[in-house]
Amino acid sequence: ALLIATINSVKGKYNSENYLGLELTSTYWHFLGVLWL
């Protein structure tokens, strides 16, 4: 998910109105950190 979000960010697919994929990836990644703890 981080790789896909990075690729989409480099391609310029995220802007101030469309960043849902980035937000979901961030939420999932932080969930993994909390789960690991």
PDB file of all heavy atoms in Angstrom:
ATOM      1  N   ALA A   1       0.838  -1.208   0.000  1.00  0.00           N
ATOM      2  CA  ALA A   1       0.000   0.000   0.000  1.00  0.00           C
ATOM      3  C   ALA A   1       0.869   1.252   0.000  1.00  0.00           C
ATOM      4  O   ALA A   1       0.566   2.227  -0.706  1.00  0.00           O
ATOM      5  CB  ALA A   1      -0.931  -0.006   1.199  1.00  0.00           C
ATOM      6  N   LEU A   2       1.958   1.251   0.780  1.00  0.00           N
ATOM      7  CA  LEU A   2       2.868   2.400   0.787  1.00  0.00           C
ATOM      8  C   LEU A   2       3.531   2.587  -0.571  1.00  0.00           C
ATOM      9  O   LEU A   2       3.698   3.722  -1.040  1.00  0.00           O
ATOM     10  CB  LEU A   2       3.940   2.229   1.862  1.00  0.00           C
ATOM     11  CG  LEU A   2       3.511   2.491   3.292  1.00  0.00           C
ATOM     12  CD1 LEU A   2       4.648   2.129   4.251  1.00  0.00           C
ATOM     13  CD2 LEU A   2       3.115   3.934   3.479  1.00  0.00           C
ATOM     14  N   LEU A   3       3.900   1.502  -1.212  1.00  0.00           N
ATOM     15  CA  LEU A   3       4.516   1.575  -2.532  1.00  0.00           C
ATOM     16  C   LEU A   3       3.541   2.162  -3.550  1.00  0.00           C
ATOM     17  O   LEU A   3       3.904   3.054  -4.334  1.00  0.00           O
ATOM     18  CB  LEU A   3       4.988   0.196  -2.979  1.00  0.00           C
ATOM     19  CG  LEU A   3       5.637   0.111  -4.350  1.00  0.00           C
ATOM     20  CD1 LEU A   3       6.949   0.891  -4.357  1.00  0.00           C
ATOM     21  CD2 LEU A   3       5.873  -1.326  -4.728  1.00  0.00           C
ATOM     22  N   ILE A   4       2.305   1.698  -3.527  1.00  0.00           N
ATOM     23  CA  ILE A   4       1.298   2.209  -4.455  1.00  0.00           C
ATOM     24  C   ILE A   4       1.011   3.678  -4.186  1.00  0.00           C
ATOM     25  O   ILE A   4       0.890   4.484  -5.125  1.00  0.00           O
ATOM     26  CB  ILE A   4       0.014   1.359  -4.374  1.00  0.00           C
ATOM     27  CG1 ILE A   4       0.291  -0.033  -4.944  1.00  0.00           C
ATOM     28  CG2 ILE A   4      -1.139   2.027  -5.108  1.00  0.00           C
ATOM     29  CD1 ILE A   4      -0.820  -1.028  -4.710  1.00  0.00           C
ATOM     30  N   ALA A   5       0.917   4.058  -2.904  1.00  0.00           N
ATOM     31  CA  ALA A   5       0.671   5.465  -2.565  1.00  0.00           C
ATOM     32  C   ALA A   5       1.834   6.346  -3.010  1.00  0.00           C
ATOM     33  O   ALA A   5       1.630   7.464  -3.496  1.00  0.00           O
ATOM     34  CB  ALA A   5       0.440   5.616  -1.070  1.00  0.00           C
ATOM     35  N   THR A   6       3.049   5.842  -2.878  1.00  0.00           N
ATOM     36  CA  THR A   6       4.217   6.605  -3.314  1.00  0.00           C
ATOM     37  C   THR A   6       4.211   6.788  -4.833  1.00  0.00           C
ATOM     38  O   THR A   6       4.472   7.879  -5.339  1.00  0.00           O
ATOM     39  CB  THR A   6       5.517   5.904  -2.870  1.00  0.00           C
ATOM     40  OG1 THR A   6       5.504   5.778  -1.448  1.00  0.00           O
ATOM     41  CG2 THR A   6       6.736   6.688  -3.296  1.00  0.00           C
ATOM     42  N   ILE A   7       3.904   5.717  -5.552  1.00  0.00           N
ATOM     43  CA  ILE A   7       3.849   5.796  -7.017  1.00  0.00           C
ATOM     44  C   ILE A   7       2.766   6.780  -7.454  1.00  0.00           C
ATOM     45  O   ILE A   7       2.985   7.615  -8.339  1.00  0.00           O
ATOM     46  CB  ILE A   7       3.623   4.396  -7.626  1.00  0.00           C
ATOM     47  CG1 ILE A   7       4.876   3.534  -7.429  1.00  0.00           C
ATOM     48  CG2 ILE A   7       3.260   4.486  -9.096  1.00  0.00           C
ATOM     49  CD1 ILE A   7       4.674   2.071  -7.756  1.00  0.00           C
ATOM     50  N   ASN A   8       1.590   6.696  -6.833  1.00  0.00           N
ATOM     51  CA  ASN A   8       0.503   7.622  -7.172  1.00  0.00           C
ATOM     52  C   ASN A   8       0.864   9.060  -6.830  1.00  0.00           C
ATOM     53  O   ASN A   8       0.480   9.984  -7.543  1.00  0.00           O
ATOM     54  CB  ASN A   8      -0.790   7.221  -6.471  1.00  0.00           C
ATOM     55  CG  ASN A   8      -1.431   6.012  -7.102  1.00  0.00           C
ATOM     56  OD1 ASN A   8      -1.165   5.674  -8.242  1.00  0.00           O
ATOM     57  ND2 ASN A   8      -2.274   5.343  -6.338  1.00  0.00           N
ATOM     58  N   SER A   9       1.591   9.254  -5.760  1.00  0.00           N
ATOM     59  CA  SER A   9       2.006  10.607  -5.379  1.00  0.00           C
ATOM     60  C   SER A   9       2.994  11.181  -6.392  1.00  0.00           C
ATOM     61  O   SER A   9       2.898  12.354  -6.767  1.00  0.00           O
ATOM     62  CB  SER A   9       2.639  10.579  -3.994  1.00  0.00           C
ATOM     63  OG  SER A   9       3.071  11.852  -3.627  1.00  0.00           O
ATOM     64  N   VAL A  10       3.929  10.365  -6.841  1.00  0.00           N
ATOM     65  CA  VAL A  10       4.898  10.814  -7.837  1.00  0.00           C
ATOM     66  C   VAL A  10       4.196  11.142  -9.156  1.00  0.00           C
ATOM     67  O   VAL A  10       4.563  12.098  -9.845  1.00  0.00           O
ATOM     68  CB  VAL A  10       6.000   9.746  -8.034  1.00  0.00           C
ATOM     69  CG1 VAL A  10       6.858  10.052  -9.235  1.00  0.00           C
ATOM     70  CG2 VAL A  10       6.852   9.625  -6.780  1.00  0.00           C
ATOM     71  N   LYS A  11       3.171  10.371  -9.486  1.00  0.00           N
ATOM     72  CA  LYS A  11       2.411  10.627 -10.714  1.00  0.00           C
ATOM     73  C   LYS A  11       1.501  11.853 -10.586  1.00  0.00           C
ATOM     74  O   LYS A  11       0.917  12.276 -11.575  1.00  0.00           O
ATOM     75  CB  LYS A  11       1.554   9.416 -11.070  1.00  0.00           C
ATOM     76  CG  LYS A  11       2.346   8.239 -11.568  1.00  0.00           C
ATOM     77  CD  LYS A  11       1.403   7.093 -11.924  1.00  0.00           C
ATOM     78  CE  LYS A  11       2.157   5.912 -12.466  1.00  0.00           C
ATOM     79  NZ  LYS A  11       1.258   4.791 -12.800  1.00  0.00           N
ATOM     80  N   GLY A  12       1.363  12.389  -9.379  1.00  0.00           N
ATOM     81  CA  GLY A  12       0.544  13.570  -9.171  1.00  0.00           C
ATOM     82  C   GLY A  12      -0.942  13.288  -9.067  1.00  0.00           C
ATOM     83  O   GLY A  12      -1.761  14.160  -9.361  1.00  0.00           O
ATOM     84  N   LYS A  13      -1.305  12.088  -8.639  1.00  0.00           N
ATOM     85  CA  LYS A  13      -2.723  11.740  -8.557  1.00  0.00           C
ATOM     86  C   LYS A  13      -3.394  12.279  -7.296  1.00  0.00           C
ATOM     87  O   LYS A  13      -4.614  12.228  -7.198  1.00  0.00           O
ATOM     88  CB  LYS A  13      -2.893  10.230  -8.625  1.00  0.00           C
ATOM     89  CG  LYS A  13      -2.543   9.668  -9.980  1.00  0.00           C
ATOM     90  CD  LYS A  13      -2.946   8.223 -10.092  1.00  0.00           C
ATOM     91  CE  LYS A  13      -2.666   7.732 -11.509  1.00  0.00           C
ATOM     92  NZ  LYS A  13      -3.099   6.366 -11.708  1.00  0.00           N
ATOM     93  N   TYR A  14      -2.615  12.761  -6.344  1.00  0.00           N
ATOM     94  CA  TYR A  14      -3.193  13.307  -5.119  1.00  0.00           C
ATOM     95  C   TYR A  14      -3.130  14.823  -5.163  1.00  0.00           C
ATOM     96  O   TYR A  14      -2.145  15.412  -5.573  1.00  0.00           O
ATOM     97  CB  TYR A  14      -2.441  12.806  -3.887  1.00  0.00           C
ATOM     98  CG  TYR A  14      -2.495  11.298  -3.708  1.00  0.00           C
ATOM     99  CD1 TYR A  14      -1.335  10.552  -3.584  1.00  0.00           C
ATOM    100  CD2 TYR A  14      -3.710  10.637  -3.661  1.00  0.00           C
ATOM    101  CE1 TYR A  14      -1.387   9.185  -3.413  1.00  0.00           C
ATOM    102  CE2 TYR A  14      -3.766   9.261  -3.501  1.00  0.00           C
ATOM    103  CZ  TYR A  14      -2.603   8.542  -3.370  1.00  0.00           C
ATOM    104  OH  TYR A  14      -2.653   7.190  -3.214  1.00  0.00           O
ATOM    105  N   ASN A  15      -4.207  15.454  -4.725  1.00  0.00           N
ATOM    106  CA  ASN A  15      -4.241  16.905  -4.600  1.00  0.00           C
ATOM    107  C   ASN A  15      -5.047  17.253  -3.357  1.00  0.00           C
ATOM    108  O   ASN A  15      -5.401  16.374  -2.576  1.00  0.00           O
ATOM    109  CB  ASN A  15      -4.827  17.565  -5.866  1.00  0.00           C
ATOM    110  CG  ASN A  15      -6.198  17.032  -6.211  1.00  0.00           C
ATOM    111  OD1 ASN A  15      -6.981  16.697  -5.338  1.00  0.00           O
ATOM    112  ND2 ASN A  15      -6.485  16.951  -7.509  1.00  0.00           N
ATOM    113  N   SER A  16      -5.354  18.536  -3.181  1.00  0.00           N
ATOM    114  CA  SER A  16      -6.041  18.952  -1.957  1.00  0.00           C
ATOM    115  C   SER A  16      -7.481  18.455  -1.881  1.00  0.00           C
ATOM    116  O   SER A  16      -8.071  18.445  -0.804  1.00  0.00           O
ATOM    117  CB  SER A  16      -6.012  20.475  -1.840  1.00  0.00           C
ATOM    118  OG  SER A  16      -6.701  21.053  -2.925  1.00  0.00           O
ATOM    119  N   GLU A  17      -8.052  18.008  -2.984  1.00  0.00           N
ATOM    120  CA  GLU A  17      -9.416  17.497  -2.976  1.00  0.00           C
ATOM    121  C   GLU A  17      -9.481  15.969  -3.085  1.00  0.00           C
ATOM    122  O   GLU A  17     -10.497  15.369  -2.765  1.00  0.00           O
ATOM    123  CB  GLU A  17     -10.222  18.115  -4.134  1.00  0.00           C
ATOM    124  CG  GLU A  17     -10.474  19.595  -3.946  1.00  0.00           C
ATOM    125  CD  GLU A  17     -10.336  20.360  -5.244  1.00  0.00           C
ATOM    126  OE1 GLU A  17     -10.166  19.726  -6.299  1.00  0.00           O
ATOM    127  OE2 GLU A  17     -10.372  21.598  -5.184  1.00  0.00           O
ATOM    128  N   ASN A  18      -8.411  15.346  -3.523  1.00  0.00           N
ATOM    129  CA  ASN A  18      -8.400  13.901  -3.731  1.00  0.00           C
ATOM    130  C   ASN A  18      -7.151  13.308  -3.072  1.00  0.00           C
ATOM    131  O   ASN A  18      -6.091  13.234  -3.686  1.00  0.00           O
ATOM    132  CB  ASN A  18      -8.413  13.579  -5.225  1.00  0.00           C
ATOM    133  CG  ASN A  18      -8.398  12.088  -5.479  1.00  0.00           C
ATOM    134  OD1 ASN A  18      -8.738  11.303  -4.609  1.00  0.00           O
ATOM    135  ND2 ASN A  18      -7.977  11.705  -6.666  1.00  0.00           N
ATOM    136  N   TYR A  19      -7.294  12.899  -1.830  1.00  0.00           N
ATOM    137  CA  TYR A  19      -6.181  12.279  -1.122  1.00  0.00           C
ATOM    138  C   TYR A  19      -6.636  11.087  -0.285  1.00  0.00           C
ATOM    139  O   TYR A  19      -5.962  10.683   0.668  1.00  0.00           O
ATOM    140  CB  TYR A  19      -5.447  13.302  -0.245  1.00  0.00           C
ATOM    141  CG  TYR A  19      -6.332  14.004   0.762  1.00  0.00           C
ATOM    142  CD1 TYR A  19      -6.505  13.478   2.037  1.00  0.00           C
ATOM    143  CD2 TYR A  19      -6.985  15.180   0.437  1.00  0.00           C
ATOM    144  CE1 TYR A  19      -7.315  14.108   2.955  1.00  0.00           C
ATOM    145  CE2 TYR A  19      -7.793  15.816   1.353  1.00  0.00           C
ATOM    146  CZ  TYR A  19      -7.950  15.276   2.614  1.00  0.00           C
ATOM    147  OH  TYR A  19      -8.759  15.914   3.524  1.00  0.00           O
ATOM    148  N   LEU A  20      -7.765  10.502  -0.639  1.00  0.00           N
ATOM    149  CA  LEU A  20      -8.323   9.399   0.131  1.00  0.00           C
ATOM    150  C   LEU A  20      -7.375   8.195   0.181  1.00  0.00           C
ATOM    151  O   LEU A  20      -7.182   7.596   1.240  1.00  0.00           O
ATOM    152  CB  LEU A  20      -9.675   8.972  -0.441  1.00  0.00           C
ATOM    153  CG  LEU A  20     -10.373   7.827   0.297  1.00  0.00           C
ATOM    154  CD1 LEU A  20     -10.688   8.237   1.731  1.00  0.00           C
ATOM    155  CD2 LEU A  20     -11.617   7.405  -0.441  1.00  0.00           C
ATOM    156  N   GLY A  21      -6.766   7.836  -0.944  1.00  0.00           N
ATOM    157  CA  GLY A  21      -5.841   6.706  -0.959  1.00  0.00           C
ATOM    158  C   GLY A  21      -4.662   6.916  -0.030  1.00  0.00           C
ATOM    159  O   GLY A  21      -4.235   5.992   0.673  1.00  0.00           O
ATOM    160  N   LEU A  22      -4.154   8.123   0.003  1.00  0.00           N
ATOM    161  CA  LEU A  22      -3.045   8.439   0.887  1.00  0.00           C
ATOM    162  C   LEU A  22      -3.473   8.383   2.347  1.00  0.00           C
ATOM    163  O   LEU A  22      -2.747   7.859   3.206  1.00  0.00           O
ATOM    164  CB  LEU A  22      -2.503   9.834   0.543  1.00  0.00           C
ATOM    165  CG  LEU A  22      -1.191  10.245   1.151  1.00  0.00           C
ATOM    166  CD1 LEU A  22      -0.083   9.303   0.768  1.00  0.00           C
ATOM    167  CD2 LEU A  22      -0.858  11.662   0.731  1.00  0.00           C
ATOM    168  N   GLU A  23      -4.660   8.880   2.632  1.00  0.00           N
ATOM    169  CA  GLU A  23      -5.171   8.867   4.002  1.00  0.00           C
ATOM    170  C   GLU A  23      -5.439   7.436   4.485  1.00  0.00           C
ATOM    171  O   GLU A  23      -5.108   7.086   5.622  1.00  0.00           O
ATOM    172  CB  GLU A  23      -6.440   9.698   4.075  1.00  0.00           C
ATOM    173  CG  GLU A  23      -6.935   9.925   5.481  1.00  0.00           C
ATOM    174  CD  GLU A  23      -8.102  10.893   5.537  1.00  0.00           C
ATOM    175  OE1 GLU A  23      -8.497  11.442   4.503  1.00  0.00           O
ATOM    176  OE2 GLU A  23      -8.618  11.067   6.642  1.00  0.00           O
ATOM    177  N   LEU A  24      -6.015   6.609   3.633  1.00  0.00           N
ATOM    178  CA  LEU A  24      -6.279   5.219   4.007  1.00  0.00           C
ATOM    179  C   LEU A  24      -4.980   4.437   4.220  1.00  0.00           C
ATOM    180  O   LEU A  24      -4.882   3.628   5.149  1.00  0.00           O
ATOM    181  CB  LEU A  24      -7.134   4.539   2.941  1.00  0.00           C
ATOM    182  CG  LEU A  24      -8.587   4.996   2.847  1.00  0.00           C
ATOM    183  CD1 LEU A  24      -9.268   4.350   1.659  1.00  0.00           C
ATOM    184  CD2 LEU A  24      -9.326   4.716   4.126  1.00  0.00           C
ATOM    185  N   THR A  25      -4.007   4.683   3.381  1.00  0.00           N
ATOM    186  CA  THR A  25      -2.708   4.020   3.540  1.00  0.00           C
ATOM    187  C   THR A  25      -2.057   4.429   4.853  1.00  0.00           C
ATOM    188  O   THR A  25      -1.523   3.584   5.584  1.00  0.00           O
ATOM    189  CB  THR A  25      -1.781   4.364   2.361  1.00  0.00           C
ATOM    190  OG1 THR A  25      -2.388   3.912   1.147  1.00  0.00           O
ATOM    191  CG2 THR A  25      -0.430   3.708   2.516  1.00  0.00           C
ATOM    192  N   SER A  26      -2.123   5.701   5.183  1.00  0.00           N
ATOM    193  CA  SER A  26      -1.560   6.196   6.430  1.00  0.00           C
ATOM    194  C   SER A  26      -2.261   5.593   7.644  1.00  0.00           C
ATOM    195  O   SER A  26      -1.610   5.177   8.610  1.00  0.00           O
ATOM    196  CB  SER A  26      -1.657   7.719   6.467  1.00  0.00           C
ATOM    197  OG  SER A  26      -1.249   8.209   7.714  1.00  0.00           O
ATOM    198  N   THR A  27      -3.577   5.523   7.588  1.00  0.00           N
ATOM    199  CA  THR A  27      -4.340   4.941   8.693  1.00  0.00           C
ATOM    200  C   THR A  27      -4.001   3.469   8.878  1.00  0.00           C
ATOM    201  O   THR A  27      -3.795   3.000  10.002  1.00  0.00           O
ATOM    202  CB  THR A  27      -5.850   5.110   8.439  1.00  0.00           C
ATOM    203  OG1 THR A  27      -6.139   6.499   8.317  1.00  0.00           O
ATOM    204  CG2 THR A  27      -6.669   4.527   9.565  1.00  0.00           C
ATOM    205  N   TYR A  28      -3.899   2.735   7.790  1.00  0.00           N
ATOM    206  CA  TYR A  28      -3.566   1.313   7.856  1.00  0.00           C
ATOM    207  C   TYR A  28      -2.156   1.113   8.422  1.00  0.00           C
ATOM    208  O   TYR A  28      -1.934   0.247   9.265  1.00  0.00           O
ATOM    209  CB  TYR A  28      -3.684   0.686   6.465  1.00  0.00           C
ATOM    210  CG  TYR A  28      -3.423  -0.797   6.450  1.00  0.00           C
ATOM    211  CD1 TYR A  28      -4.366  -1.685   6.932  1.00  0.00           C
ATOM    212  CD2 TYR A  28      -2.222  -1.303   5.950  1.00  0.00           C
ATOM    213  CE1 TYR A  28      -4.133  -3.042   6.926  1.00  0.00           C
ATOM    214  CE2 TYR A  28      -1.982  -2.658   5.942  1.00  0.00           C
ATOM    215  CZ  TYR A  28      -2.942  -3.524   6.427  1.00  0.00           C
ATOM    216  OH  TYR A  28      -2.694  -4.866   6.420  1.00  0.00           O
ATOM    217  N   TRP A  29      -1.217   1.918   7.984  1.00  0.00           N
ATOM    218  CA  TRP A  29       0.161   1.777   8.442  1.00  0.00           C
ATOM    219  C   TRP A  29       0.272   2.070   9.941  1.00  0.00           C
ATOM    220  O   TRP A  29       0.964   1.362  10.662  1.00  0.00           O
ATOM    221  CB  TRP A  29       1.073   2.702   7.643  1.00  0.00           C
ATOM    222  CG  TRP A  29       2.507   2.435   7.921  1.00  0.00           C
ATOM    223  CD1 TRP A  29       3.349   3.200   8.645  1.00  0.00           C
ATOM    224  CD2 TRP A  29       3.278   1.290   7.495  1.00  0.00           C
ATOM    225  NE1 TRP A  29       4.594   2.628   8.705  1.00  0.00           N
ATOM    226  CE2 TRP A  29       4.567   1.455   8.002  1.00  0.00           C
ATOM    227  CE3 TRP A  29       2.989   0.167   6.742  1.00  0.00           C
ATOM    228  CZ2 TRP A  29       5.575   0.527   7.778  1.00  0.00           C
ATOM    229  CZ3 TRP A  29       3.993  -0.754   6.517  1.00  0.00           C
ATOM    230  CH2 TRP A  29       5.258  -0.572   7.036  1.00  0.00           C
ATOM    231  N   HIS A  30      -0.444   3.088  10.413  1.00  0.00           N
ATOM    232  CA  HIS A  30      -0.406   3.405  11.839  1.00  0.00           C
ATOM    233  C   HIS A  30      -1.127   2.333  12.656  1.00  0.00           C
ATOM    234  O   HIS A  30      -0.736   2.039  13.790  1.00  0.00           O
ATOM    235  CB  HIS A  30      -1.000   4.788  12.089  1.00  0.00           C
ATOM    236  CG  HIS A  30      -0.057   5.874  11.688  1.00  0.00           C
ATOM    237  ND1 HIS A  30      -0.086   6.432  10.435  1.00  0.00           N
ATOM    238  CD2 HIS A  30       0.946   6.492  12.350  1.00  0.00           C
ATOM    239  CE1 HIS A  30       0.863   7.341  10.350  1.00  0.00           C
ATOM    240  NE2 HIS A  30       1.499   7.393  11.500  1.00  0.00           N
ATOM    241  N   PHE A  31      -2.169   1.741  12.099  1.00  0.00           N
ATOM    242  CA  PHE A  31      -2.832   0.622  12.759  1.00  0.00           C
ATOM    243  C   PHE A  31      -1.847  -0.526  12.963  1.00  0.00           C
ATOM    244  O   PHE A  31      -1.833  -1.160  14.021  1.00  0.00           O
ATOM    245  CB  PHE A  31      -4.032   0.158  11.929  1.00  0.00           C
ATOM    246  CG  PHE A  31      -4.561  -1.188  12.334  1.00  0.00           C
ATOM    247  CD1 PHE A  31      -5.290  -1.340  13.497  1.00  0.00           C
ATOM    248  CD2 PHE A  31      -4.312  -2.307  11.552  1.00  0.00           C
ATOM    249  CE1 PHE A  31      -5.773  -2.586  13.876  1.00  0.00           C
ATOM    250  CE2 PHE A  31      -4.790  -3.547  11.918  1.00  0.00           C
ATOM    251  CZ  PHE A  31      -5.523  -3.688  13.086  1.00  0.00           C
ATOM    252  N   LEU A  32      -1.027  -0.801  11.973  1.00  0.00           N
ATOM    253  CA  LEU A  32      -0.034  -1.866  12.108  1.00  0.00           C
ATOM    254  C   LEU A  32       0.958  -1.564  13.229  1.00  0.00           C
ATOM    255  O   LEU A  32       1.356  -2.462  13.975  1.00  0.00           O
ATOM    256  CB  LEU A  32       0.735  -2.081  10.798  1.00  0.00           C
ATOM    257  CG  LEU A  32       0.009  -2.802   9.689  1.00  0.00           C
ATOM    258  CD1 LEU A  32       0.897  -2.897   8.462  1.00  0.00           C
ATOM    259  CD2 LEU A  32      -0.418  -4.182  10.125  1.00  0.00           C
ATOM    260  N   GLY A  33       1.361  -0.311  13.352  1.00  0.00           N
ATOM    261  CA  GLY A  33       2.283   0.069  14.424  1.00  0.00           C
ATOM    262  C   GLY A  33       1.672  -0.144  15.794  1.00  0.00           C
ATOM    263  O   GLY A  33       2.318  -0.693  16.700  1.00  0.00           O
ATOM    264  N   VAL A  34       0.431   0.256  15.960  1.00  0.00           N
ATOM    265  CA  VAL A  34      -0.254   0.068  17.240  1.00  0.00           C
ATOM    266  C   VAL A  34      -0.462  -1.422  17.516  1.00  0.00           C
ATOM    267  O   VAL A  34      -0.282  -1.883  18.649  1.00  0.00           O
ATOM    268  CB  VAL A  34      -1.595   0.829  17.258  1.00  0.00           C
ATOM    269  CG1 VAL A  34      -2.423   0.477  18.475  1.00  0.00           C
ATOM    270  CG2 VAL A  34      -1.353   2.321  17.194  1.00  0.00           C
ATOM    271  N   LEU A  35      -0.820  -2.175  16.486  1.00  0.00           N
ATOM    272  CA  LEU A  35      -1.014  -3.614  16.653  1.00  0.00           C
ATOM    273  C   LEU A  35       0.289  -4.297  17.062  1.00  0.00           C
ATOM    274  O   LEU A  35       0.290  -5.185  17.916  1.00  0.00           O
ATOM    275  CB  LEU A  35      -1.554  -4.224  15.358  1.00  0.00           C
ATOM    276  CG  LEU A  35      -1.883  -5.708  15.388  1.00  0.00           C
ATOM    277  CD1 LEU A  35      -2.979  -5.978  16.410  1.00  0.00           C
ATOM    278  CD2 LEU A  35      -2.306  -6.181  14.019  1.00  0.00           C
ATOM    279  N   TRP A  36       1.399  -3.904  16.476  1.00  0.00           N
ATOM    280  CA  TRP A  36       2.688  -4.481  16.824  1.00  0.00           C
ATOM    281  C   TRP A  36       3.019  -4.205  18.293  1.00  0.00           C
ATOM    282  O   TRP A  36       3.476  -5.104  19.005  1.00  0.00           O
ATOM    283  CB  TRP A  36       3.772  -3.924  15.921  1.00  0.00           C
ATOM    284  CG  TRP A  36       5.119  -4.467  16.211  1.00  0.00           C
ATOM    285  CD1 TRP A  36       6.176  -3.798  16.700  1.00  0.00           C
ATOM    286  CD2 TRP A  36       5.563  -5.821  16.042  1.00  0.00           C
ATOM    287  NE1 TRP A  36       7.246  -4.635  16.854  1.00  0.00           N
ATOM    288  CE2 TRP A  36       6.897  -5.884  16.458  1.00  0.00           C
ATOM    289  CE3 TRP A  36       4.941  -6.971  15.588  1.00  0.00           C
ATOM    290  CZ2 TRP A  36       7.620  -7.063  16.431  1.00  0.00           C
ATOM    291  CZ3 TRP A  36       5.683  -8.151  15.558  1.00  0.00           C
ATOM    292  CH2 TRP A  36       6.994  -8.184  15.970  1.00  0.00           C
ATOM    293  N   LEU A  37       2.774  -2.983  18.776  1.00  0.00           N
ATOM    294  CA  LEU A  37       3.017  -2.671  20.184  1.00  0.00           C
ATOM    295  C   LEU A  37       2.113  -3.495  21.094  1.00  0.00           C
ATOM    296  O   LEU A  37       2.552  -4.002  22.129  1.00  0.00           O
ATOM    297  CB  LEU A  37       2.804  -1.181  20.442  1.00  0.00           C
ATOM    298  CG  LEU A  37       3.842  -0.255  19.831  1.00  0.00           C
ATOM    299  CD1 LEU A  37       3.424   1.200  20.016  1.00  0.00           C
ATOM    300  CD2 LEU A  37       5.197  -0.495  20.460  1.00  0.00           C
TER     301      LEU A  37
END
